[in-house]
Amino acid sequence: MQSRIMKLFCAALTMAAAVMTSASLNAEETSTGAVPVRMTVTASVPNDKRMPEISQQDIIVRQGKERLKVTEWVAAQGNNAGLELFILIDDASDPSLGLHLDDLKTFIDAQPPTTAVGVGYMRNATVQIVQNFTTDHAAAAKAVRLPLGNAGAYGSPYLSVIDLMNRWPATDKRHEVLMVTDGIDRARRGLPARGLYINPDVDSASDVAMRTGTIIHTFYAPGVGRWHRNYWEATNGQMGIAKLSDVTGGESYFLGLQAPVSFQPYLDQLQNVLDNQYLLSFSAKPGKKGQLQNVTINTEVAGVDLGSADGVWVPGTK
């Protein structure tokens, strides 16, 4: 009898210990648990190929060597097609840009009803918004005008796009920008006189874009004045906007350092990008403070290339 009581007592202790351990683990998991984050991802295939079906199980998200759990993968179509697209033109662009404005207006007017379009001009390191987001695409197209051919007293396309993103209200729609610029920072601020370099404001704009979930596409268009005639400045400007697009998950279009013959091929490719995007949600491990975390996104579906930002903003635990 005494032996039986002892066995029951030991079993009770074991069960209590198990419950306490489980509660402790659950509390720890809750305090350091993963948080959901979302990104926009673009899928592409060679021009002569048909886009295959891509399922959630086909998506691989890694942070370093660790694979993260994918919680959602849906095409940006139907109820998920919402897009806010801002057309941002550099006022320092050469007035010959006017030859391409009809192409740009036609592109704006052809956007689907689920796309709201805004229009603004970069000048003095800020943005002059001439049309707030609207689904009246005819009105947005009408707001497009010739650039002034002057950057103002303090012309930086990177500080201008930062200004735009900081003023952009948070929504659950895709946020994307089309920047038309040569990428030259005419404010300079003590950067090297010649030679190849990346403007530090490019990295600042990239960080803000990743933090806000904004994709930035760029069209290279020559600017005015001696800056564009300087090979180093023109090359550095083009490298800057190319890097900005690459880091944020966008596309950069250019024809060397020359003005494009037409914007239409660029706009056709950009529309194809917008039509083949997905909303990806996955579980990320937060730190004590919110921070940008680098992630890589891949798929094993043959022939499909996925484009996305280099990082995503992960809220902190405090």
C-alpha atoms as a PDB file:
ATOM      1  CA  MET A   1       0.000   0.000   0.000  1.00  0.00           C
ATOM      2  CA  GLN A   2       2.801   2.390   0.965  1.00  0.00           C
ATOM      3  CA  SER A   3       4.596   1.529  -2.275  1.00  0.00           C
ATOM      4  CA  ARG A   4       1.484   2.339  -4.306  1.00  0.00           C
ATOM      5  CA  ILE A   5       1.073   5.700  -2.573  1.00  0.00           C
ATOM      6  CA  MET A   6       4.728   6.498  -3.287  1.00  0.00           C
ATOM      7  CA  LYS A   7       4.266   5.694  -6.961  1.00  0.00           C
ATOM      8  CA  LEU A   8       1.179   7.927  -7.186  1.00  0.00           C
ATOM      9  CA  PHE A   9       3.070  10.724  -5.456  1.00  0.00           C
ATOM     10  CA  CYS A  10       6.001  10.445  -7.882  1.00  0.00           C
ATOM     11  CA  ALA A  11       3.642  10.441 -10.853  1.00  0.00           C
ATOM     12  CA  ALA A  12       1.951  13.575  -9.571  1.00  0.00           C
ATOM     13  CA  LEU A  13       5.317  15.305  -9.164  1.00  0.00           C
ATOM     14  CA  THR A  14       6.325  14.305 -12.689  1.00  0.00           C
ATOM     15  CA  MET A  15       3.075  15.651 -14.155  1.00  0.00           C
ATOM     16  CA  ALA A  16       3.396  18.917 -12.232  1.00  0.00           C
ATOM     17  CA  ALA A  17       6.968  19.345 -13.434  1.00  0.00           C
ATOM     18  CA  ALA A  18       5.873  18.691 -17.005  1.00  0.00           C
ATOM     19  CA  VAL A  19       3.086  21.264 -16.764  1.00  0.00           C
ATOM     20  CA  MET A  20       5.465  23.869 -15.309  1.00  0.00           C
ATOM     21  CA  THR A  21       8.065  23.177 -18.003  1.00  0.00           C
ATOM     22  CA  SER A  22       5.444  23.433 -20.741  1.00  0.00           C
ATOM     23  CA  ALA A  23       4.128  26.704 -19.309  1.00  0.00           C
ATOM     24  CA  SER A  24       7.659  28.058 -19.133  1.00  0.00           C
ATOM     25  CA  LEU A  25       8.363  27.108 -22.756  1.00  0.00           C
ATOM     26  CA  ASN A  26       5.065  28.594 -23.907  1.00  0.00           C
ATOM     27  CA  ALA A  27       5.812  31.824 -22.045  1.00  0.00           C
ATOM     28  CA  GLU A  28       9.261  31.976 -23.624  1.00  0.00           C
ATOM     29  CA  GLU A  29       7.833  31.269 -27.086  1.00  0.00           C
ATOM     30  CA  THR A  30       5.249  34.007 -26.602  1.00  0.00           C
ATOM     31  CA  SER A  31       7.849  36.549 -25.512  1.00  0.00           C
ATOM     32  CA  THR A  32      10.231  35.769 -28.374  1.00  0.00           C
ATOM     33  CA  GLY A  33       7.710  34.456 -30.906  1.00  0.00           C
ATOM     34  CA  ALA A  34       7.809  35.214 -34.601  1.00  0.00           C
ATOM     35  CA  VAL A  35       5.863  38.145 -36.030  1.00  0.00           C
ATOM     36  CA  PRO A  36       4.116  38.258 -39.406  1.00  0.00           C
ATOM     37  CA  VAL A  37       5.552  40.549 -42.079  1.00  0.00           C
ATOM     38  CA  ARG A  38       4.546  41.147 -45.691  1.00  0.00           C
ATOM     39  CA  MET A  39       6.419  41.921 -48.896  1.00  0.00           C
ATOM     40  CA  THR A  40       5.564  42.403 -52.545  1.00  0.00           C
ATOM     41  CA  VAL A  41       7.357  39.949 -54.838  1.00  0.00           C
ATOM     42  CA  THR A  42       7.611  40.064 -58.638  1.00  0.00           C
ATOM     43  CA  ALA A  43       7.731  36.855 -60.662  1.00  0.00           C
ATOM     44  CA  SER A  44       9.245  36.834 -64.137  1.00  0.00           C
ATOM     45  CA  VAL A  45       9.940  34.314 -66.896  1.00  0.00           C
ATOM     46  CA  PRO A  46      11.731  34.604 -70.258  1.00  0.00           C
ATOM     47  CA  ASN A  47       9.735  36.571 -72.836  1.00  0.00           C
ATOM     48  CA  ASP A  48       8.691  33.530 -74.863  1.00  0.00           C
ATOM     49  CA  LYS A  49       7.564  31.513 -71.859  1.00  0.00           C
ATOM     50  CA  ARG A  50       4.224  31.250 -70.075  1.00  0.00           C
ATOM     51  CA  MET A  51       4.085  32.037 -66.353  1.00  0.00           C
ATOM     52  CA  PRO A  52       3.575  28.716 -64.503  1.00  0.00           C
ATOM     53  CA  GLU A  53       1.413  28.387 -61.435  1.00  0.00           C
ATOM     54  CA  ILE A  54       3.351  29.199 -58.273  1.00  0.00           C
ATOM     55  CA  SER A  55       1.966  27.901 -54.984  1.00  0.00           C
ATOM     56  CA  GLN A  56       2.781  28.837 -51.413  1.00  0.00           C
ATOM     57  CA  GLN A  57       4.690  25.567 -50.995  1.00  0.00           C
ATOM     58  CA  ASP A  58       7.018  26.606 -53.822  1.00  0.00           C
ATOM     59  CA  ILE A  59       8.309  29.695 -51.991  1.00  0.00           C
ATOM     60  CA  ILE A  60      11.483  29.575 -49.906  1.00  0.00           C
ATOM     61  CA  VAL A  61      12.274  32.462 -47.562  1.00  0.00           C
ATOM     62  CA  ARG A  62      15.593  32.489 -45.731  1.00  0.00           C
ATOM     63  CA  GLN A  63      17.219  34.741 -43.209  1.00  0.00           C
ATOM     64  CA  GLY A  64      20.840  33.775 -43.460  1.00  0.00           C
ATOM     65  CA  LYS A  65      20.834  29.977 -43.404  1.00  0.00           C
ATOM     66  CA  GLU A  66      17.554  29.725 -41.512  1.00  0.00           C
ATOM     67  CA  ARG A  67      14.369  28.998 -43.436  1.00  0.00           C
ATOM     68  CA  LEU A  68      11.351  31.039 -42.333  1.00  0.00           C
ATOM     69  CA  LYS A  69       7.728  29.905 -42.343  1.00  0.00           C
ATOM     70  CA  VAL A  70       5.651  31.191 -45.261  1.00  0.00           C
ATOM     71  CA  THR A  71       2.118  32.001 -44.085  1.00  0.00           C
ATOM     72  CA  GLU A  72       0.583  33.484 -47.256  1.00  0.00           C
ATOM     73  CA  TRP A  73       1.297  33.745 -50.961  1.00  0.00           C
ATOM     74  CA  VAL A  74      -1.415  35.332 -53.095  1.00  0.00           C
ATOM     75  CA  ALA A  75      -1.397  36.930 -56.531  1.00  0.00           C
ATOM     76  CA  ALA A  76      -1.911  40.697 -56.521  1.00  0.00           C
ATOM     77  CA  GLN A  77      -5.149  40.310 -58.444  1.00  0.00           C
ATOM     78  CA  GLY A  78      -8.863  40.554 -57.754  1.00  0.00           C
ATOM     79  CA  ASN A  79      -9.462  41.642 -54.167  1.00  0.00           C
ATOM     80  CA  ASN A  80      -5.683  41.843 -53.654  1.00  0.00           C
ATOM     81  CA  ALA A  81      -4.929  44.005 -56.714  1.00  0.00           C
ATOM     82  CA  GLY A  82      -4.810  47.349 -54.894  1.00  0.00           C
ATOM     83  CA  LEU A  83      -1.859  49.488 -55.994  1.00  0.00           C
ATOM     84  CA  GLU A  84      -0.744  53.045 -55.275  1.00  0.00           C
ATOM     85  CA  LEU A  85       1.612  54.098 -58.068  1.00  0.00           C
ATOM     86  CA  PHE A  86       3.372  57.455 -57.877  1.00  0.00           C
ATOM     87  CA  ILE A  87       4.901  58.988 -61.015  1.00  0.00           C
ATOM     88  CA  LEU A  88       7.880  61.078 -59.876  1.00  0.00           C
ATOM     89  CA  ILE A  89       9.631  63.239 -62.470  1.00  0.00           C
ATOM     90  CA  ASP A  90      12.863  65.160 -61.931  1.00  0.00           C
ATOM     91  CA  ASP A  91      12.396  68.863 -62.667  1.00  0.00           C
ATOM     92  CA  ALA A  92      16.098  68.889 -63.632  1.00  0.00           C
ATOM     93  CA  SER A  93      15.320  66.656 -66.624  1.00  0.00           C
ATOM     94  CA  ASP A  94      16.103  68.013 -70.062  1.00  0.00           C
ATOM     95  CA  PRO A  95      12.982  69.503 -71.707  1.00  0.00           C
ATOM     96  CA  SER A  96      13.408  66.934 -74.508  1.00  0.00           C
ATOM     97  CA  LEU A  97      11.640  64.608 -72.050  1.00  0.00           C
ATOM     98  CA  GLY A  98       8.502  66.176 -73.497  1.00  0.00           C
ATOM     99  CA  LEU A  99       8.837  63.827 -76.456  1.00  0.00           C
ATOM    100  CA  HIS A 100       7.954  60.931 -74.126  1.00  0.00           C
ATOM    101  CA  LEU A 101       5.166  62.479 -72.088  1.00  0.00           C
ATOM    102  CA  ASP A 102       2.402  61.193 -74.369  1.00  0.00           C
ATOM    103  CA  ASP A 103       3.646  57.633 -73.794  1.00  0.00           C
ATOM    104  CA  LEU A 104       3.604  58.262 -70.055  1.00  0.00           C
ATOM    105  CA  LYS A 105       0.096  59.744 -70.156  1.00  0.00           C
ATOM    106  CA  THR A 106      -1.212  56.771 -72.155  1.00  0.00           C
ATOM    107  CA  PHE A 107       0.337  54.398 -69.607  1.00  0.00           C
ATOM    108  CA  ILE A 108      -1.346  56.239 -66.723  1.00  0.00           C
ATOM    109  CA  ASP A 109      -4.715  56.328 -68.467  1.00  0.00           C
ATOM    110  CA  ALA A 110      -4.555  52.570 -69.163  1.00  0.00           C
ATOM    111  CA  GLN A 111      -4.126  51.557 -65.516  1.00  0.00           C
ATOM    112  CA  PRO A 112      -6.837  49.295 -64.055  1.00  0.00           C
ATOM    113  CA  PRO A 113      -9.483  50.700 -61.669  1.00  0.00           C
ATOM    114  CA  THR A 114      -7.657  49.091 -58.726  1.00  0.00           C
ATOM    115  CA  THR A 115      -4.627  51.365 -59.294  1.00  0.00           C
ATOM    116  CA  ALA A 116      -4.526  54.846 -57.782  1.00  0.00           C
ATOM    117  CA  VAL A 117      -2.012  57.140 -59.491  1.00  0.00           C
ATOM    118  CA  GLY A 118      -0.220  60.179 -58.067  1.00  0.00           C
ATOM    119  CA  VAL A 119       2.036  62.622 -59.929  1.00  0.00           C
ATOM    120  CA  GLY A 120       4.783  64.862 -58.596  1.00  0.00           C
ATOM    121  CA  TYR A 121       8.022  66.658 -59.482  1.00  0.00           C
ATOM    122  CA  MET A 122      11.376  66.488 -57.694  1.00  0.00           C
ATOM    123  CA  ARG A 123      12.856  69.877 -56.889  1.00  0.00           C
ATOM    124  CA  ASN A 124      14.774  71.387 -53.962  1.00  0.00           C
ATOM    125  CA  ALA A 125      15.105  67.917 -52.358  1.00  0.00           C
ATOM    126  CA  THR A 126      11.315  67.755 -51.933  1.00  0.00           C
ATOM    127  CA  VAL A 127       8.340  66.755 -54.074  1.00  0.00           C
ATOM    128  CA  GLN A 128       5.812  69.129 -55.569  1.00  0.00           C
ATOM    129  CA  ILE A 129       2.687  66.984 -55.747  1.00  0.00           C
ATOM    130  CA  VAL A 130       0.555  68.072 -58.698  1.00  0.00           C
ATOM    131  CA  GLN A 131      -1.932  65.218 -58.385  1.00  0.00           C
ATOM    132  CA  ASN A 132      -2.707  63.267 -55.221  1.00  0.00           C
ATOM    133  CA  PHE A 133      -3.571  59.594 -55.537  1.00  0.00           C
ATOM    134  CA  THR A 134      -6.658  59.140 -57.652  1.00  0.00           C
ATOM    135  CA  THR A 135      -8.370  56.428 -59.670  1.00  0.00           C
ATOM    136  CA  ASP A 136      -9.408  59.136 -62.141  1.00  0.00           C
ATOM    137  CA  HIS A 137      -6.579  58.234 -64.485  1.00  0.00           C
ATOM    138  CA  ALA A 138      -7.492  60.886 -67.035  1.00  0.00           C
ATOM    139  CA  ALA A 139      -7.016  63.533 -64.353  1.00  0.00           C
ATOM    140  CA  ALA A 140      -3.675  62.040 -63.323  1.00  0.00           C
ATOM    141  CA  ALA A 141      -2.481  61.953 -66.925  1.00  0.00           C
ATOM    142  CA  LYS A 142      -3.552  65.569 -67.422  1.00  0.00           C
ATOM    143  CA  ALA A 143      -1.386  66.619 -64.445  1.00  0.00           C
ATOM    144  CA  VAL A 144       1.820  65.499 -66.206  1.00  0.00           C
ATOM    145  CA  ARG A 145       3.727  68.539 -67.491  1.00  0.00           C
ATOM    146  CA  LEU A 146       7.099  69.426 -68.974  1.00  0.00           C
ATOM    147  CA  PRO A 147       9.977  69.527 -66.457  1.00  0.00           C
ATOM    148  CA  LEU A 148      11.252  72.986 -65.605  1.00  0.00           C
ATOM    149  CA  GLY A 149      14.811  72.092 -66.582  1.00  0.00           C
ATOM    150  CA  ASN A 150      16.050  73.290 -63.199  1.00  0.00           C
ATOM    151  CA  ALA A 151      16.740  71.332 -60.005  1.00  0.00           C
ATOM    152  CA  GLY A 152      16.227  74.333 -57.761  1.00  0.00           C
ATOM    153  CA  ALA A 153      18.647  75.475 -55.084  1.00  0.00           C
ATOM    154  CA  TYR A 154      19.115  71.999 -53.641  1.00  0.00           C
ATOM    155  CA  GLY A 155      18.461  69.225 -56.138  1.00  0.00           C
ATOM    156  CA  SER A 156      18.715  65.630 -54.934  1.00  0.00           C
ATOM    157  CA  PRO A 157      16.401  62.962 -56.392  1.00  0.00           C
ATOM    158  CA  TYR A 158      17.190  60.667 -53.452  1.00  0.00           C
ATOM    159  CA  LEU A 159      16.194  63.197 -50.791  1.00  0.00           C
ATOM    160  CA  SER A 160      13.097  63.972 -52.859  1.00  0.00           C
ATOM    161  CA  VAL A 161      11.918  60.366 -52.945  1.00  0.00           C
ATOM    162  CA  ILE A 162      12.607  60.093 -49.203  1.00  0.00           C
ATOM    163  CA  ASP A 163      10.381  63.142 -48.710  1.00  0.00           C
ATOM    164  CA  LEU A 164       7.644  61.433 -50.729  1.00  0.00           C
ATOM    165  CA  MET A 165       7.838  58.138 -48.828  1.00  0.00           C
ATOM    166  CA  ASN A 166       7.793  59.882 -45.447  1.00  0.00           C
ATOM    167  CA  ARG A 167       4.573  61.669 -46.460  1.00  0.00           C
ATOM    168  CA  TRP A 168       2.914  58.539 -47.888  1.00  0.00           C
ATOM    169  CA  PRO A 169       0.035  57.315 -45.677  1.00  0.00           C
ATOM    170  CA  ALA A 170       0.273  53.680 -44.602  1.00  0.00           C
ATOM    171  CA  THR A 171      -2.207  51.423 -46.435  1.00  0.00           C
ATOM    172  CA  ASP A 172      -2.552  47.715 -47.166  1.00  0.00           C
ATOM    173  CA  LYS A 173      -2.070  48.366 -50.902  1.00  0.00           C
ATOM    174  CA  ARG A 174       1.155  47.946 -52.837  1.00  0.00           C
ATOM    175  CA  HIS A 175       3.320  51.087 -52.783  1.00  0.00           C
ATOM    176  CA  GLU A 176       5.387  51.663 -55.933  1.00  0.00           C
ATOM    177  CA  VAL A 177       7.179  54.633 -57.477  1.00  0.00           C
ATOM    178  CA  LEU A 178       8.283  55.320 -61.033  1.00  0.00           C
ATOM    179  CA  MET A 179      11.174  57.815 -60.904  1.00  0.00           C
ATOM    180  CA  VAL A 180      12.193  59.566 -64.128  1.00  0.00           C
ATOM    181  CA  THR A 181      15.619  61.099 -63.523  1.00  0.00           C
ATOM    182  CA  ASP A 182      19.304  60.958 -64.364  1.00  0.00           C
ATOM    183  CA  GLY A 183      20.074  60.242 -60.709  1.00  0.00           C
ATOM    184  CA  ILE A 184      22.560  63.097 -60.380  1.00  0.00           C
ATOM    185  CA  ASP A 185      22.654  64.828 -57.004  1.00  0.00           C
ATOM    186  CA  ARG A 186      23.143  68.452 -58.012  1.00  0.00           C
ATOM    187  CA  ALA A 187      23.499  69.515 -54.401  1.00  0.00           C
ATOM    188  CA  ARG A 188      26.752  67.509 -54.224  1.00  0.00           C
ATOM    189  CA  ARG A 189      27.522  68.254 -50.562  1.00  0.00           C
ATOM    190  CA  GLY A 190      31.229  67.483 -50.650  1.00  0.00           C
ATOM    191  CA  LEU A 191      31.157  64.228 -52.610  1.00  0.00           C
ATOM    192  CA  PRO A 192      34.273  63.344 -54.664  1.00  0.00           C
ATOM    193  CA  ALA A 193      34.926  65.628 -57.619  1.00  0.00           C
ATOM    194  CA  ARG A 194      35.459  62.759 -60.078  1.00  0.00           C
ATOM    195  CA  GLY A 195      35.635  58.997 -60.126  1.00  0.00           C
ATOM    196  CA  LEU A 196      33.060  56.306 -59.492  1.00  0.00           C
ATOM    197  CA  TYR A 197      31.120  56.306 -56.224  1.00  0.00           C
ATOM    198  CA  ILE A 198      27.634  55.660 -54.849  1.00  0.00           C
ATOM    199  CA  ASN A 199      25.925  58.646 -53.275  1.00  0.00           C
ATOM    200  CA  PRO A 200      25.253  57.846 -49.576  1.00  0.00           C
ATOM    201  CA  ASP A 201      21.718  59.203 -50.005  1.00  0.00           C
ATOM    202  CA  VAL A 202      21.026  56.195 -52.254  1.00  0.00           C
ATOM    203  CA  ASP A 203      21.429  53.924 -49.232  1.00  0.00           C
ATOM    204  CA  SER A 204      19.289  56.238 -47.103  1.00  0.00           C
ATOM    205  CA  ALA A 205      16.497  56.149 -49.690  1.00  0.00           C
ATOM    206  CA  SER A 206      16.823  52.363 -49.960  1.00  0.00           C
ATOM    207  CA  ASP A 207      16.447  51.952 -46.206  1.00  0.00           C
ATOM    208  CA  VAL A 208      13.335  54.133 -46.103  1.00  0.00           C
ATOM    209  CA  ALA A 209      11.862  52.216 -49.046  1.00  0.00           C
ATOM    210  CA  MET A 210      12.416  48.839 -47.369  1.00  0.00           C
ATOM    211  CA  ARG A 211      11.083  50.136 -44.065  1.00  0.00           C
ATOM    212  CA  THR A 212       7.902  51.389 -45.733  1.00  0.00           C
ATOM    213  CA  GLY A 213       7.552  48.507 -48.188  1.00  0.00           C
ATOM    214  CA  THR A 214       7.951  50.775 -51.230  1.00  0.00           C
ATOM    215  CA  ILE A 215       9.238  49.466 -54.564  1.00  0.00           C
ATOM    216  CA  ILE A 216      11.070  52.043 -56.702  1.00  0.00           C
ATOM    217  CA  HIS A 217      11.354  51.659 -60.484  1.00  0.00           C
ATOM    218  CA  THR A 218      13.564  54.083 -62.416  1.00  0.00           C
ATOM    219  CA  PHE A 219      13.759  55.409 -65.975  1.00  0.00           C
ATOM    220  CA  TYR A 220      17.055  57.072 -66.862  1.00  0.00           C
ATOM    221  CA  ALA A 221      16.484  60.410 -68.630  1.00  0.00           C
ATOM    222  CA  PRO A 222      19.302  62.962 -69.151  1.00  0.00           C
ATOM    223  CA  GLY A 223      19.217  66.159 -67.144  1.00  0.00           C
ATOM    224  CA  VAL A 224      20.244  69.683 -67.990  1.00  0.00           C
ATOM    225  CA  GLY A 225      23.499  71.573 -67.658  1.00  0.00           C
ATOM    226  CA  ARG A 226      27.120  70.625 -67.326  1.00  0.00           C
ATOM    227  CA  TRP A 227      26.405  67.938 -64.748  1.00  0.00           C
ATOM    228  CA  HIS A 228      25.058  65.565 -67.355  1.00  0.00           C
ATOM    229  CA  ARG A 229      27.932  66.343 -69.726  1.00  0.00           C
ATOM    230  CA  ASN A 230      30.370  65.110 -67.074  1.00  0.00           C
ATOM    231  CA  TYR A 231      30.931  61.398 -67.702  1.00  0.00           C
ATOM    232  CA  TRP A 232      31.615  60.639 -64.040  1.00  0.00           C
ATOM    233  CA  GLU A 233      28.527  62.437 -62.790  1.00  0.00           C
ATOM    234  CA  ALA A 234      26.279  60.865 -65.419  1.00  0.00           C
ATOM    235  CA  THR A 235      27.625  57.372 -64.721  1.00  0.00           C
ATOM    236  CA  ASN A 236      27.382  57.772 -60.965  1.00  0.00           C
ATOM    237  CA  GLY A 237      23.824  59.026 -61.301  1.00  0.00           C
ATOM    238  CA  GLN A 238      22.829  56.030 -63.383  1.00  0.00           C
ATOM    239  CA  MET A 239      24.514  53.644 -60.952  1.00  0.00           C
ATOM    240  CA  GLY A 240      22.678  55.324 -58.089  1.00  0.00           C
ATOM    241  CA  ILE A 241      19.186  54.849 -59.503  1.00  0.00           C
ATOM    242  CA  ALA A 242      20.044  51.327 -60.677  1.00  0.00           C
ATOM    243  CA  LYS A 243      21.093  50.383 -57.144  1.00  0.00           C
ATOM    244  CA  LEU A 244      18.012  52.034 -55.641  1.00  0.00           C
ATOM    245  CA  SER A 245      15.741  49.947 -57.860  1.00  0.00           C
ATOM    246  CA  ASP A 246      17.665  46.736 -57.276  1.00  0.00           C
ATOM    247  CA  VAL A 247      17.691  47.012 -53.467  1.00  0.00           C
ATOM    248  CA  THR A 248      13.985  47.864 -53.264  1.00  0.00           C
ATOM    249  CA  GLY A 249      12.830  45.097 -55.623  1.00  0.00           C
ATOM    250  CA  GLY A 250      12.168  47.368 -58.599  1.00  0.00           C
ATOM    251  CA  GLU A 251      13.450  47.574 -62.171  1.00  0.00           C
ATOM    252  CA  SER A 252      15.766  50.168 -63.720  1.00  0.00           C
ATOM    253  CA  TYR A 253      15.540  50.982 -67.422  1.00  0.00           C
ATOM    254  CA  PHE A 254      18.156  52.859 -69.447  1.00  0.00           C
ATOM    255  CA  LEU A 255      19.842  53.057 -72.835  1.00  0.00           C
ATOM    256  CA  GLY A 256      23.415  53.790 -71.875  1.00  0.00           C
ATOM    257  CA  LEU A 257      23.811  57.452 -70.972  1.00  0.00           C
ATOM    258  CA  GLN A 258      21.646  58.543 -73.882  1.00  0.00           C
ATOM    259  CA  ALA A 259      18.037  59.610 -73.960  1.00  0.00           C
ATOM    260  CA  PRO A 260      15.767  56.696 -74.889  1.00  0.00           C
ATOM    261  CA  VAL A 261      14.235  56.697 -78.345  1.00  0.00           C
ATOM    262  CA  SER A 262      10.877  55.945 -76.747  1.00  0.00           C
ATOM    263  CA  PHE A 263       9.495  55.224 -73.278  1.00  0.00           C
ATOM    264  CA  GLN A 264       7.016  52.719 -74.701  1.00  0.00           C
ATOM    265  CA  PRO A 265       9.250  49.608 -74.415  1.00  0.00           C
ATOM    266  CA  TYR A 266      10.092  50.579 -70.823  1.00  0.00           C
ATOM    267  CA  LEU A 267       6.434  51.117 -69.969  1.00  0.00           C
ATOM    268  CA  ASP A 268       5.414  47.800 -71.535  1.00  0.00           C
ATOM    269  CA  GLN A 269       7.988  45.985 -69.418  1.00  0.00           C
ATOM    270  CA  LEU A 270       6.943  47.888 -66.297  1.00  0.00           C
ATOM    271  CA  GLN A 271       3.294  46.960 -66.868  1.00  0.00           C
ATOM    272  CA  ASN A 272       4.327  43.322 -67.149  1.00  0.00           C
ATOM    273  CA  VAL A 273       6.078  43.665 -63.773  1.00  0.00           C
ATOM    274  CA  LEU A 274       2.982  45.171 -62.143  1.00  0.00           C
ATOM    275  CA  ASP A 275       0.790  42.419 -63.607  1.00  0.00           C
ATOM    276  CA  ASN A 276       2.911  39.593 -62.173  1.00  0.00           C
ATOM    277  CA  GLN A 277       3.276  40.486 -58.516  1.00  0.00           C
ATOM    278  CA  TYR A 278       2.417  38.510 -55.407  1.00  0.00           C
ATOM    279  CA  LEU A 279       1.823  39.372 -51.769  1.00  0.00           C
ATOM    280  CA  LEU A 280       4.083  37.293 -49.550  1.00  0.00           C
ATOM    281  CA  SER A 281       3.638  36.951 -45.786  1.00  0.00           C
ATOM    282  CA  PHE A 282       6.024  35.034 -43.550  1.00  0.00           C
ATOM    283  CA  SER A 283       7.046  34.746 -39.912  1.00  0.00           C
ATOM    284  CA  ALA A 284      10.162  36.667 -38.916  1.00  0.00           C
ATOM    285  CA  LYS A 285      12.027  36.669 -35.627  1.00  0.00           C
ATOM    286  CA  PRO A 286      11.853  40.104 -33.996  1.00  0.00           C
ATOM    287  CA  GLY A 287      14.521  41.845 -31.978  1.00  0.00           C
ATOM    288  CA  LYS A 288      13.886  44.031 -28.980  1.00  0.00           C
ATOM    289  CA  LYS A 289      13.558  46.989 -31.342  1.00  0.00           C
ATOM    290  CA  GLY A 290      12.115  47.230 -34.817  1.00  0.00           C
ATOM    291  CA  GLN A 291      14.757  46.793 -37.488  1.00  0.00           C
ATOM    292  CA  LEU A 292      15.425  45.991 -41.122  1.00  0.00           C
ATOM    293  CA  GLN A 293      16.251  42.324 -41.590  1.00  0.00           C
ATOM    294  CA  ASN A 294      17.834  40.944 -44.740  1.00  0.00           C
ATOM    295  CA  VAL A 295      15.961  38.074 -46.364  1.00  0.00           C
ATOM    296  CA  THR A 296      16.250  36.094 -49.587  1.00  0.00           C
ATOM    297  CA  ILE A 297      13.256  34.761 -51.489  1.00  0.00           C
ATOM    298  CA  ASN A 298      13.539  31.933 -53.992  1.00  0.00           C
ATOM    299  CA  THR A 299      11.486  29.244 -55.661  1.00  0.00           C
ATOM    300  CA  GLU A 300      12.218  25.801 -57.059  1.00  0.00           C
ATOM    301  CA  VAL A 301       9.721  26.276 -59.896  1.00  0.00           C
ATOM    302  CA  ALA A 302      11.794  25.926 -63.068  1.00  0.00           C
ATOM    303  CA  GLY A 303      12.274  29.043 -65.186  1.00  0.00           C
ATOM    304  CA  VAL A 304      10.817  31.481 -62.646  1.00  0.00           C
ATOM    305  CA  ASP A 305      12.865  34.356 -61.265  1.00  0.00           C
ATOM    306  CA  LEU A 306      11.612  36.184 -58.163  1.00  0.00           C
ATOM    307  CA  GLY A 307      12.436  39.824 -57.503  1.00  0.00           C
ATOM    308  CA  SER A 308      12.001  41.487 -54.110  1.00  0.00           C
ATOM    309  CA  ALA A 309      13.560  43.983 -51.753  1.00  0.00           C
ATOM    310  CA  ASP A 310      16.749  42.980 -49.999  1.00  0.00           C
ATOM    311  CA  GLY A 311      15.161  43.427 -46.592  1.00  0.00           C
ATOM    312  CA  VAL A 312      11.933  43.845 -44.668  1.00  0.00           C
ATOM    313  CA  TRP A 313      10.993  45.879 -41.599  1.00  0.00           C
ATOM    314  CA  VAL A 314      10.367  43.635 -38.589  1.00  0.00           C
ATOM    315  CA  PRO A 315       8.622  45.227 -35.574  1.00  0.00           C
ATOM    316  CA  GLY A 316      10.350  44.829 -32.223  1.00  0.00           C
ATOM    317  CA  THR A 317       9.063  43.049 -29.131  1.00  0.00           C
ATOM    318  CA  LYS A 318       9.069  46.264 -27.088  1.00  0.00           C
END
